[in-house]
N, C-alpha and C. Protein backbone atom coordinates (compact mmCIF):
# COMPACT_ATOMS: atom_id res chain seq x y z
N MET A 1 -8.22 4.30 -31.30
CA MET A 1 -8.00 6.21 -31.56
C MET A 1 -6.63 5.71 -31.22
N TYR A 2 -5.60 4.76 -30.18
CA TYR A 2 -4.69 4.50 -30.95
C TYR A 2 -4.30 4.90 -31.59
N PHE A 3 -5.02 3.54 -33.10
CA PHE A 3 -4.13 3.28 -34.20
C PHE A 3 -3.86 5.25 -34.51
N ALA A 4 -5.58 5.28 -34.71
CA ALA A 4 -5.55 6.96 -35.91
C ALA A 4 -4.33 7.56 -34.99
N PHE A 5 -3.93 7.84 -33.98
CA PHE A 5 -2.75 8.84 -33.54
C PHE A 5 -1.14 7.80 -33.90
N GLY A 6 -1.08 6.70 -34.28
CA GLY A 6 0.27 6.19 -34.89
C GLY A 6 0.14 7.10 -36.57
N ALA A 7 -1.33 6.09 -36.69
CA ALA A 7 -1.35 6.62 -38.75
C ALA A 7 -1.05 8.19 -38.17
N LEU A 8 -1.40 9.28 -37.63
CA LEU A 8 -1.19 10.94 -38.17
C LEU A 8 -0.24 10.88 -37.86
N ALA A 9 0.47 10.43 -36.88
CA ALA A 9 1.99 10.55 -36.47
C ALA A 9 2.62 10.50 -37.22
N ILE A 10 2.39 9.28 -38.17
CA ILE A 10 3.87 8.29 -39.15
C ILE A 10 3.60 10.10 -39.73
N GLY A 11 2.59 9.98 -40.74
CA GLY A 11 1.61 10.49 -41.59
C GLY A 11 3.42 11.99 -41.72
N ALA A 12 3.00 12.70 -40.48
CA ALA A 12 3.69 13.97 -40.09
C ALA A 12 4.70 13.56 -40.03
N ALA A 13 5.50 12.85 -39.63
CA ALA A 13 6.57 12.22 -39.45
C ALA A 13 7.44 12.50 -41.15
N SER A 14 6.96 11.19 -41.89
CA SER A 14 7.22 11.05 -43.07
C SER A 14 6.98 12.98 -44.14
N LEU A 15 6.08 13.84 -43.89
CA LEU A 15 5.45 14.78 -44.38
C LEU A 15 7.33 15.54 -43.80
N LEU A 16 6.80 15.72 -43.13
CA LEU A 16 8.80 17.21 -42.58
C LEU A 16 10.42 15.35 -43.33
N HIS A 17 10.27 14.58 -43.10
CA HIS A 17 11.32 14.24 -43.61
C HIS A 17 11.41 13.89 -45.69
N GLU A 18 10.13 14.78 -45.47
CA GLU A 18 9.95 14.42 -47.27
C GLU A 18 10.37 16.19 -47.78
N MET A 19 10.34 16.82 -46.70
CA MET A 19 10.70 18.39 -47.12
C MET A 19 11.71 19.47 -46.35
N ALA A 20 12.99 17.96 -45.93
CA ALA A 20 14.23 17.84 -45.70
C ALA A 20 14.59 18.82 -44.55
N MET A 21 13.24 18.26 -43.62
CA MET A 21 13.64 19.01 -42.10
C MET A 21 13.73 17.91 -41.09
N LEU A 22 14.77 17.26 -41.43
CA LEU A 22 14.95 16.19 -41.13
C LEU A 22 15.91 15.86 -40.84
N PRO A 23 16.47 15.74 -41.24
CA PRO A 23 18.08 14.54 -41.50
C PRO A 23 17.97 13.86 -40.49
N PRO A 24 19.35 12.90 -41.11
CA PRO A 24 19.34 11.36 -39.89
C PRO A 24 20.31 12.11 -39.17
N VAL A 25 20.28 11.38 -37.92
CA VAL A 25 20.80 11.89 -36.26
C VAL A 25 21.27 11.03 -36.44
N ALA A 26 22.96 11.18 -36.42
CA ALA A 26 23.89 10.63 -36.65
C ALA A 26 24.28 9.48 -37.94
N GLY A 27 23.78 9.94 -37.75
CA GLY A 27 24.25 8.82 -40.33
C GLY A 27 22.85 6.95 -39.24
N TYR A 28 22.08 7.25 -37.90
CA TYR A 28 22.20 5.80 -37.83
C TYR A 28 20.73 6.10 -37.33
N ILE A 29 20.17 6.79 -36.75
CA ILE A 29 18.48 6.81 -36.47
C ILE A 29 18.06 7.56 -37.46
N ASP A 30 16.82 6.95 -38.40
CA ASP A 30 16.24 8.19 -38.87
C ASP A 30 15.78 9.01 -38.09
N ALA A 31 15.17 9.81 -38.23
CA ALA A 31 15.04 10.98 -37.74
C ALA A 31 13.59 11.10 -38.21
N ALA A 32 13.47 10.61 -38.55
CA ALA A 32 11.22 10.47 -38.95
C ALA A 32 10.37 9.07 -38.19
N ALA A 33 11.08 8.89 -37.70
CA ALA A 33 11.20 7.32 -36.67
C ALA A 33 11.20 7.88 -35.59
N LEU A 34 11.81 8.61 -34.77
CA LEU A 34 11.74 9.45 -33.81
C LEU A 34 10.77 10.42 -34.13
N SER A 35 11.16 11.88 -34.95
CA SER A 35 9.65 12.09 -34.86
C SER A 35 8.29 11.64 -34.78
N ALA A 36 8.43 10.49 -35.26
CA ALA A 36 6.97 9.49 -35.31
C ALA A 36 6.32 9.30 -33.71
N GLY A 37 7.32 9.05 -33.20
CA GLY A 37 7.32 8.59 -32.05
C GLY A 37 6.84 9.63 -30.85
N ALA A 38 7.98 10.22 -31.74
CA ALA A 38 7.54 11.81 -30.61
C ALA A 38 6.01 12.55 -30.60
N ILE A 39 5.63 12.42 -31.70
CA ILE A 39 4.35 12.96 -32.21
C ILE A 39 3.26 12.53 -31.57
N TYR A 40 4.00 10.84 -32.04
CA TYR A 40 2.47 9.35 -31.46
C TYR A 40 2.75 9.69 -29.71
N GLY A 41 3.05 10.09 -29.00
CA GLY A 41 3.46 10.92 -27.20
C GLY A 41 2.61 11.38 -27.21
N GLY A 42 3.20 12.85 -27.67
CA GLY A 42 2.63 14.23 -26.87
C GLY A 42 0.98 14.27 -27.72
N MET A 43 0.21 13.27 -29.04
CA MET A 43 -0.85 13.27 -29.52
C MET A 43 -1.61 12.72 -28.49
N VAL A 44 -1.13 11.18 -27.38
CA VAL A 44 -1.84 10.50 -26.68
C VAL A 44 -1.82 11.26 -25.94
N LEU A 45 -0.65 12.32 -25.29
CA LEU A 45 -0.63 13.10 -23.55
C LEU A 45 -2.10 13.94 -23.80
N LEU A 46 -2.02 14.43 -25.21
CA LEU A 46 -3.07 15.84 -25.11
C LEU A 46 -4.33 15.34 -24.66
N TYR A 47 -4.96 14.11 -26.31
CA TYR A 47 -6.17 12.96 -25.79
C TYR A 47 -5.92 13.27 -24.16
N GLU A 48 -5.23 12.04 -22.93
CA GLU A 48 -5.35 11.70 -22.17
C GLU A 48 -6.05 12.83 -21.72
N ARG A 49 -5.46 14.02 -21.08
CA ARG A 49 -5.59 14.54 -20.74
C ARG A 49 -6.82 15.58 -21.03
N TRP A 50 -6.60 16.24 -21.94
CA TRP A 50 -7.70 17.20 -22.13
C TRP A 50 -9.13 16.70 -23.47
N GLY A 51 -8.57 16.35 -24.44
CA GLY A 51 -8.54 16.21 -26.23
C GLY A 51 -10.08 15.03 -25.85
N TRP A 52 -10.38 14.11 -24.89
CA TRP A 52 -11.44 13.46 -24.98
C TRP A 52 -12.63 14.47 -24.78
N ARG A 53 -12.14 15.05 -23.46
CA ARG A 53 -13.43 15.68 -22.90
C ARG A 53 -14.60 16.29 -24.52
N TRP A 54 -13.76 16.08 -25.46
CA TRP A 54 -14.29 17.64 -26.64
C TRP A 54 -14.50 16.33 -27.00
N LEU A 55 -13.51 14.94 -27.58
CA LEU A 55 -13.62 14.14 -28.61
C LEU A 55 -14.32 12.79 -28.30
N SER A 56 -14.52 12.57 -27.32
CA SER A 56 -14.99 11.10 -26.97
C SER A 56 -16.76 11.47 -26.19
N THR A 57 -16.97 10.02 -26.51
CA THR A 57 -18.74 9.81 -26.31
C THR A 57 -18.62 10.26 -24.30
N LEU A 58 -17.78 9.81 -24.02
CA LEU A 58 -17.59 9.58 -22.70
C LEU A 58 -17.96 10.61 -21.80
N LYS A 59 -18.54 10.24 -20.44
CA LYS A 59 -19.56 11.09 -19.54
C LYS A 59 -18.66 12.30 -18.53
N ASN A 60 -17.88 12.81 -18.58
CA ASN A 60 -17.15 13.97 -18.35
C ASN A 60 -17.78 13.95 -16.36
N LEU A 61 -16.88 13.41 -15.30
CA LEU A 61 -17.64 13.23 -13.89
C LEU A 61 -17.37 13.89 -12.95
N ASN A 62 -15.59 14.68 -13.47
CA ASN A 62 -14.68 15.70 -12.55
C ASN A 62 -15.09 16.16 -12.20
N GLY A 63 -14.95 16.82 -10.92
CA GLY A 63 -15.15 17.37 -9.49
C GLY A 63 -15.83 17.51 -8.29
N THR A 64 -16.26 17.87 -8.18
CA THR A 64 -16.67 17.58 -6.30
C THR A 64 -18.32 17.49 -6.60
N TRP A 65 -18.87 16.05 -6.33
CA TRP A 65 -20.49 15.73 -5.57
C TRP A 65 -21.00 16.35 -4.35
N VAL A 66 -21.97 16.43 -4.07
CA VAL A 66 -22.87 16.45 -2.35
C VAL A 66 -23.44 15.95 -3.06
N GLY A 67 -24.29 14.97 -1.61
CA GLY A 67 -25.51 13.87 -1.78
C GLY A 67 -25.53 13.85 -0.49
N THR A 68 -26.09 12.06 -0.43
CA THR A 68 -26.22 12.05 0.74
C THR A 68 -26.67 10.41 0.62
N ILE A 69 -26.13 9.60 1.40
CA ILE A 69 -25.94 7.83 2.09
C ILE A 69 -27.64 7.48 2.56
N THR A 70 -28.34 6.60 1.90
CA THR A 70 -28.98 6.17 2.75
C THR A 70 -28.41 5.07 3.38
N THR A 71 -28.55 4.51 4.79
CA THR A 71 -27.41 2.90 4.71
C THR A 71 -28.31 2.31 5.66
N SER A 72 -28.04 0.96 5.58
CA SER A 72 -29.20 0.04 6.51
C SER A 72 -28.40 -0.05 7.80
N HIS A 73 -27.13 0.86 7.89
CA HIS A 73 -26.64 0.92 9.46
C HIS A 73 -27.60 0.95 10.51
N ASN A 74 -27.90 0.81 11.39
CA ASN A 74 -28.45 1.57 12.77
C ASN A 74 -30.00 1.67 11.54
N GLY A 75 -30.79 0.43 11.08
CA GLY A 75 -32.04 1.25 10.64
C GLY A 75 -32.52 1.74 9.82
N GLY A 76 -31.33 2.71 8.99
CA GLY A 76 -32.23 3.32 8.24
C GLY A 76 -30.85 4.52 7.97
N THR A 77 -30.01 5.16 8.06
CA THR A 77 -29.06 6.12 8.73
C THR A 77 -29.26 7.45 6.64
N SER A 78 -29.66 8.60 7.75
CA SER A 78 -29.29 9.14 6.23
C SER A 78 -27.68 10.46 6.89
N VAL A 79 -26.47 9.92 5.84
CA VAL A 79 -25.32 10.92 6.14
C VAL A 79 -25.36 11.36 5.40
N PRO A 80 -24.80 12.09 5.37
CA PRO A 80 -24.13 13.40 4.08
C PRO A 80 -22.24 13.41 3.55
N CYS A 81 -22.76 13.93 2.12
CA CYS A 81 -21.10 12.78 1.86
C CYS A 81 -21.05 14.43 0.69
N VAL A 82 -19.66 13.77 0.19
CA VAL A 82 -19.03 14.52 -0.61
C VAL A 82 -17.82 13.94 -1.40
N VAL A 83 -18.48 13.72 -2.82
CA VAL A 83 -17.72 12.79 -3.46
C VAL A 83 -16.20 13.25 -3.99
N ARG A 84 -15.24 13.45 -4.44
CA ARG A 84 -14.26 14.52 -5.60
C ARG A 84 -13.95 13.66 -6.60
N VAL A 85 -14.49 12.99 -8.01
CA VAL A 85 -13.90 12.66 -8.67
C VAL A 85 -12.93 12.77 -9.72
N ARG A 86 -11.40 12.25 -10.20
CA ARG A 86 -10.43 13.17 -11.16
C ARG A 86 -10.57 11.83 -11.85
N GLN A 87 -10.78 12.16 -13.51
CA GLN A 87 -10.51 11.97 -14.34
C GLN A 87 -9.96 12.08 -15.49
N THR A 88 -9.40 11.04 -16.34
CA THR A 88 -8.72 11.05 -17.80
C THR A 88 -9.46 10.18 -18.41
N TRP A 89 -9.04 10.05 -19.29
CA TRP A 89 -9.54 9.48 -20.99
C TRP A 89 -9.83 8.14 -20.05
N THR A 90 -8.61 7.49 -20.06
CA THR A 90 -8.32 6.15 -19.06
C THR A 90 -8.02 5.70 -17.63
N ARG A 91 -8.32 6.57 -16.62
CA ARG A 91 -8.07 6.83 -15.57
C ARG A 91 -9.15 7.12 -15.07
N MET A 92 -9.67 6.87 -14.02
CA MET A 92 -10.58 7.56 -12.50
C MET A 92 -10.28 7.52 -11.63
N ALA A 93 -10.33 7.98 -10.65
CA ALA A 93 -10.15 8.07 -9.24
C ALA A 93 -11.03 8.54 -8.64
N ILE A 94 -11.77 8.25 -7.28
CA ILE A 94 -12.86 8.26 -7.45
C ILE A 94 -12.78 8.50 -4.76
N GLU A 95 -12.88 9.41 -4.95
CA GLU A 95 -12.67 9.39 -2.91
C GLU A 95 -14.09 10.27 -2.37
N LEU A 96 -14.58 9.40 -1.41
CA LEU A 96 -16.02 9.12 -1.03
C LEU A 96 -15.81 10.27 -0.13
N GLU A 97 -15.93 11.02 0.74
CA GLU A 97 -16.15 12.05 2.45
C GLU A 97 -17.23 11.52 3.24
N THR A 98 -17.56 11.40 4.89
CA THR A 98 -18.46 12.09 5.15
C THR A 98 -17.77 11.93 6.78
N GLU A 99 -18.63 12.68 7.08
CA GLU A 99 -17.84 12.76 8.52
C GLU A 99 -17.24 11.61 9.49
N HIS A 100 -17.69 10.84 9.06
CA HIS A 100 -16.97 9.30 10.00
C HIS A 100 -15.93 8.48 9.03
N SER A 101 -16.41 9.03 7.77
CA SER A 101 -14.99 8.25 7.47
C SER A 101 -14.15 8.29 6.04
N ARG A 102 -13.58 7.92 5.09
CA ARG A 102 -12.71 7.96 3.19
C ARG A 102 -12.85 6.84 2.90
N SER A 103 -13.39 6.80 1.65
CA SER A 103 -12.88 5.96 0.83
C SER A 103 -12.47 6.53 -0.27
N ARG A 104 -11.61 4.96 -0.66
CA ARG A 104 -10.88 5.81 -1.99
C ARG A 104 -11.44 4.44 -3.10
N THR A 105 -11.24 5.07 -3.92
CA THR A 105 -11.50 3.00 -5.43
C THR A 105 -10.70 2.87 -5.55
N THR A 106 -11.00 1.34 -5.15
CA THR A 106 -9.80 0.60 -5.98
C THR A 106 -9.66 0.10 -7.55
N MET A 107 -11.05 0.27 -8.33
CA MET A 107 -11.16 0.14 -9.92
C MET A 107 -12.26 0.68 -10.04
N ALA A 108 -12.26 1.58 -10.77
CA ALA A 108 -13.69 2.76 -11.16
C ALA A 108 -13.73 1.25 -13.34
N ALA A 109 -14.88 2.02 -13.16
CA ALA A 109 -15.22 1.41 -15.21
C ALA A 109 -16.58 2.50 -15.28
N LEU A 110 -16.47 3.27 -16.19
CA LEU A 110 -18.19 4.35 -17.18
C LEU A 110 -18.30 2.65 -17.69
N TYR A 111 -19.98 2.60 -17.78
CA TYR A 111 -20.44 1.50 -18.47
C TYR A 111 -21.46 2.36 -19.14
N GLU A 112 -22.38 1.69 -20.27
CA GLU A 112 -23.73 1.97 -21.05
C GLU A 112 -24.01 0.49 -21.65
N GLU A 113 -24.99 0.13 -20.82
CA GLU A 113 -25.67 -1.28 -21.02
C GLU A 113 -26.45 -1.36 -22.81
N GLN A 114 -27.19 0.09 -22.38
CA GLN A 114 -28.11 0.07 -23.04
C GLN A 114 -28.46 1.21 -23.64
N PRO A 115 -28.88 1.82 -24.77
CA PRO A 115 -29.10 3.40 -24.71
C PRO A 115 -29.82 3.67 -23.47
N GLY A 116 -29.01 4.94 -22.93
CA GLY A 116 -29.89 5.78 -21.89
C GLY A 116 -29.12 4.68 -20.64
N ASP A 117 -28.81 3.41 -20.54
CA ASP A 117 -28.70 3.45 -19.27
C ASP A 117 -26.91 3.52 -19.33
N VAL A 118 -26.47 4.93 -18.63
CA VAL A 118 -25.17 4.93 -18.96
C VAL A 118 -24.80 4.91 -17.26
N GLY A 119 -23.32 4.52 -16.30
CA GLY A 119 -23.32 4.33 -15.57
C GLY A 119 -22.06 4.11 -15.16
N LEU A 120 -21.87 4.39 -13.84
CA LEU A 120 -20.16 5.06 -13.08
C LEU A 120 -20.21 3.22 -11.79
N LYS A 121 -19.54 2.04 -11.65
CA LYS A 121 -19.54 1.15 -11.23
C LYS A 121 -17.57 1.51 -10.51
N TYR A 122 -17.81 1.13 -8.99
CA TYR A 122 -16.12 0.97 -9.13
C TYR A 122 -16.43 0.72 -7.84
N GLU A 123 -15.45 -0.51 -7.30
CA GLU A 123 -14.96 -1.21 -5.37
C GLU A 123 -13.58 0.02 -4.91
N TYR A 124 -14.29 -0.11 -3.29
CA TYR A 124 -13.31 1.11 -2.67
C TYR A 124 -13.26 0.37 -1.59
N VAL A 125 -11.92 0.93 -1.05
CA VAL A 125 -11.36 0.76 0.13
C VAL A 125 -11.89 2.10 1.40
N CYS A 126 -12.85 1.75 2.10
CA CYS A 126 -13.43 2.70 3.52
C CYS A 126 -12.92 2.18 4.89
N GLU A 127 -11.56 3.61 5.28
CA GLU A 127 -10.65 4.08 6.26
C GLU A 127 -11.90 4.75 7.21
N PRO A 128 -12.28 4.21 8.69
CA PRO A 128 -13.26 4.92 9.57
C PRO A 128 -11.75 6.21 9.68
N ARG A 129 -12.72 7.33 10.59
CA ARG A 129 -11.35 8.75 10.93
C ARG A 129 -11.85 7.62 12.77
N ASN A 130 -10.76 8.70 12.85
CA ASN A 130 -9.97 8.90 14.35
C ASN A 130 -11.92 8.62 15.29
N LEU A 131 -12.44 9.72 15.31
CA LEU A 131 -13.36 9.62 15.95
C LEU A 131 -14.60 8.78 15.56
N ALA A 132 -14.47 7.94 14.21
CA ALA A 132 -16.17 6.65 14.28
C ALA A 132 -16.06 6.38 15.37
N THR A 133 -17.12 5.57 15.35
CA THR A 133 -17.48 4.53 15.52
C THR A 133 -16.63 3.18 16.45
N PRO A 134 -16.76 2.62 17.08
CA PRO A 134 -15.54 1.71 17.50
C PRO A 134 -15.91 0.68 16.33
N THR A 135 -17.70 0.11 16.34
CA THR A 135 -17.81 -0.68 15.29
C THR A 135 -17.37 -0.80 14.02
N MET A 136 -17.29 0.68 13.84
CA MET A 136 -16.51 1.05 11.88
C MET A 136 -14.95 0.20 11.83
N GLN A 137 -14.89 -0.45 11.23
CA GLN A 137 -13.57 -1.22 10.86
C GLN A 137 -13.38 -0.88 9.21
N THR A 138 -11.87 -0.95 8.89
CA THR A 138 -11.68 -0.51 7.42
C THR A 138 -12.52 -2.55 7.29
N HIS A 139 -13.02 -1.62 5.23
CA HIS A 139 -13.90 -3.25 4.72
C HIS A 139 -13.81 -2.26 3.55
N ARG A 140 -13.95 -3.57 2.25
CA ARG A 140 -14.39 -2.65 1.04
C ARG A 140 -15.54 -2.79 0.80
N GLY A 141 -16.07 -2.50 -0.36
CA GLY A 141 -17.08 -2.21 -0.82
C GLY A 141 -17.52 -1.93 -2.02
N VAL A 142 -18.07 -2.03 -3.50
CA VAL A 142 -19.10 -1.73 -4.10
C VAL A 142 -19.98 -1.15 -3.96
N CYS A 143 -19.83 0.65 -5.49
CA CYS A 143 -20.64 1.13 -6.19
C CYS A 143 -21.37 1.16 -6.98
N MET A 144 -22.46 1.16 -7.23
CA MET A 144 -22.39 1.21 -8.51
C MET A 144 -24.51 2.52 -8.57
N LEU A 145 -23.50 3.19 -10.13
CA LEU A 145 -24.47 4.52 -9.35
C LEU A 145 -24.29 4.53 -11.71
N ALA A 146 -26.10 5.15 -11.46
CA ALA A 146 -26.56 5.61 -12.59
C ALA A 146 -26.27 7.30 -13.01
N ILE A 147 -26.25 7.62 -14.14
CA ILE A 147 -25.78 8.76 -14.45
C ILE A 147 -26.84 9.62 -15.29
N SER A 148 -27.57 10.41 -15.27
CA SER A 148 -28.86 11.26 -15.37
C SER A 148 -28.45 13.16 -15.50
N THR A 149 -29.20 13.37 -16.53
CA THR A 149 -29.00 14.93 -16.55
C THR A 149 -30.73 14.82 -15.71
N GLY A 150 -30.38 16.07 -14.90
CA GLY A 150 -30.95 16.71 -14.26
C GLY A 150 -31.21 18.83 -14.61
N PRO A 151 -32.64 19.29 -13.64
CA PRO A 151 -32.74 20.18 -14.04
C PRO A 151 -31.03 21.24 -13.39
N ASN A 152 -30.62 20.96 -12.82
CA ASN A 152 -29.14 21.12 -12.07
C ASN A 152 -28.08 20.01 -12.56
N GLY A 153 -27.88 19.81 -13.78
CA GLY A 153 -27.01 19.74 -14.92
C GLY A 153 -26.87 17.63 -14.35
N LEU A 154 -25.76 17.14 -13.88
CA LEU A 154 -25.27 15.90 -13.78
C LEU A 154 -25.82 15.17 -12.90
N ARG A 155 -26.07 14.01 -13.16
CA ARG A 155 -26.63 13.57 -10.74
C ARG A 155 -26.68 12.20 -11.48
N LEU A 156 -25.57 11.95 -10.11
CA LEU A 156 -25.03 10.35 -9.64
C LEU A 156 -26.02 9.26 -9.07
N SER A 157 -27.18 8.28 -9.86
CA SER A 157 -28.27 7.34 -8.38
C SER A 157 -27.15 6.05 -8.50
N GLY A 158 -27.69 5.26 -6.54
CA GLY A 158 -27.16 4.04 -7.04
C GLY A 158 -27.36 3.18 -6.01
N ASP A 159 -27.17 2.07 -5.79
CA ASP A 159 -27.14 1.41 -4.90
C ASP A 159 -25.40 1.45 -4.61
N TYR A 160 -25.25 0.64 -3.46
CA TYR A 160 -23.93 0.37 -2.50
C TYR A 160 -24.41 -0.30 -1.82
N PHE A 161 -22.98 -1.01 -1.76
CA PHE A 161 -23.26 -3.09 -0.20
C PHE A 161 -21.75 -3.13 0.10
N THR A 162 -21.26 -3.22 0.75
CA THR A 162 -19.96 -3.50 1.82
C THR A 162 -20.26 -4.44 1.98
N GLY A 163 -18.42 -5.53 2.43
CA GLY A 163 -18.27 -6.89 2.22
C GLY A 163 -18.06 -7.16 3.93
N ARG A 164 -17.25 -8.57 3.83
CA ARG A 164 -16.39 -8.91 5.49
C ARG A 164 -16.43 -7.85 6.60
N GLY A 165 -17.17 -7.93 7.15
CA GLY A 165 -17.26 -6.73 8.33
C GLY A 165 -17.67 -6.05 8.56
N ARG A 166 -18.48 -5.80 7.43
CA ARG A 166 -19.53 -4.33 7.85
C ARG A 166 -20.55 -4.51 6.73
N GLU A 167 -20.78 -5.38 6.36
CA GLU A 167 -22.20 -5.85 5.21
C GLU A 167 -23.06 -5.25 5.70
N THR A 168 -23.43 -4.20 5.76
CA THR A 168 -24.38 -2.96 4.62
C THR A 168 -24.88 -2.27 3.68
N ARG A 169 -25.53 -1.73 3.31
CA ARG A 169 -26.32 -2.28 2.47
C ARG A 169 -27.17 -0.44 2.55
N GLY A 170 -27.34 0.21 0.93
CA GLY A 170 -28.00 1.25 1.06
C GLY A 170 -28.08 2.17 -0.13
N GLU A 171 -28.27 3.17 -0.67
CA GLU A 171 -28.78 4.24 -1.54
C GLU A 171 -28.03 5.62 -1.53
N ILE A 172 -27.28 6.07 -2.83
CA ILE A 172 -26.15 7.11 -2.69
C ILE A 172 -27.02 7.91 -3.51
N THR A 173 -27.13 9.29 -3.36
CA THR A 173 -27.97 10.17 -4.27
C THR A 173 -27.19 11.50 -4.49
N LEU A 174 -25.94 11.92 -6.17
CA LEU A 174 -25.09 12.95 -5.83
C LEU A 174 -26.10 13.62 -6.57
N GLN A 175 -25.28 14.93 -6.65
CA GLN A 175 -25.22 16.10 -7.41
C GLN A 175 -24.54 16.88 -8.10
N ARG A 176 -23.52 17.24 -9.11
CA ARG A 176 -22.01 18.38 -8.69
C ARG A 176 -22.70 19.47 -8.26
N VAL A 177 -21.70 19.85 -8.14
CA VAL A 177 -21.57 21.10 -6.90
C VAL A 177 -20.11 22.21 -7.63
N ALA A 178 -19.38 21.20 -8.22
CA ALA A 178 -18.89 21.74 -8.35
C ALA A 178 -17.29 20.99 -10.21
N LYS A 179 -17.27 21.15 -10.99
CA LYS A 179 -16.33 21.06 -11.67
C LYS A 179 -14.76 20.45 -10.98
N GLY A 180 -14.32 21.80 -10.39
CA GLY A 180 -13.13 21.73 -9.57
C GLY A 180 -13.12 20.52 -8.39
N LEU A 181 -12.81 19.95 -7.67
CA LEU A 181 -11.96 19.81 -5.95
C LEU A 181 -12.18 20.97 -4.71
N LEU A 182 -13.33 20.35 -4.02
CA LEU A 182 -13.43 21.44 -3.12
C LEU A 182 -13.42 20.21 -1.49
N ASP A 183 -13.60 21.70 -0.05
CA ASP A 183 -12.87 20.19 0.73
C ASP A 183 -14.15 19.94 1.56
N PHE A 184 -13.84 19.12 2.03
CA PHE A 184 -15.32 18.64 2.16
C PHE A 184 -16.43 19.97 3.17
N ASP A 185 -16.31 20.85 3.42
CA ASP A 185 -16.13 22.04 4.34
C ASP A 185 -17.17 23.10 3.38
N ALA A 186 -16.38 23.36 2.87
CA ALA A 186 -17.16 23.92 1.78
C ALA A 186 -17.84 23.36 0.29
N ALA A 187 -17.57 21.62 0.28
CA ALA A 187 -18.65 20.78 -0.27
C ALA A 187 -19.72 21.41 -0.26
N LEU A 188 -20.00 20.76 1.18
CA LEU A 188 -21.14 21.32 2.11
C LEU A 188 -22.26 22.22 1.85
N LYS A 189 -21.17 23.74 1.63
CA LYS A 189 -21.09 25.00 2.38
C LYS A 189 -21.95 24.72 0.51
N LYS A 190 -21.48 25.04 -0.04
CA LYS A 190 -22.14 25.09 -1.35
C LYS A 190 -23.19 25.12 -2.17
N GLU A 191 -23.16 23.13 -1.66
CA GLU A 191 -24.58 22.56 -1.81
C GLU A 191 -25.64 23.44 -0.90
N GLU A 192 -25.37 24.42 -0.44
CA GLU A 192 -26.30 25.20 -0.24
C GLU A 192 -27.57 26.19 -0.57
């Protein structure tokens, strides 16, 4: 994609130069080269922010998701959770929040192993809230979620496990409730 943007930017700048709309700047700098760089930068910025949503095959996961975590902690507890996803073409940030903790991604990637096997894998750091149980400490974990389309739109479901200090595992099931970002209480009310 970057190559295509570069070729288009050079072509547009050359066309502007041929139309005598770009005189040399201060006699030293070729305005066509300067324009090509500006056009390229603008095209990449526009694609990064918005264009990928319509021109790319990437799944758009932006928004607020609500669901449950079923954890091996305490013999298999189910906990409501809210996930907020901020995504561009090259970046993704995921925040998962429960009543007792909040986790943020350290890295995330969309994958397509085989046709129909599309998902999201990410690593996170989880920090307990002030009122969490004393046994809950800051810890790292990995989450692997399959992306599927259900009757109510996109759905994420899969497994997670945590590292040293927590050593739990479980399942997460999520349904998108808004394409915007909602706070914890508003998201849970929206699900109802």
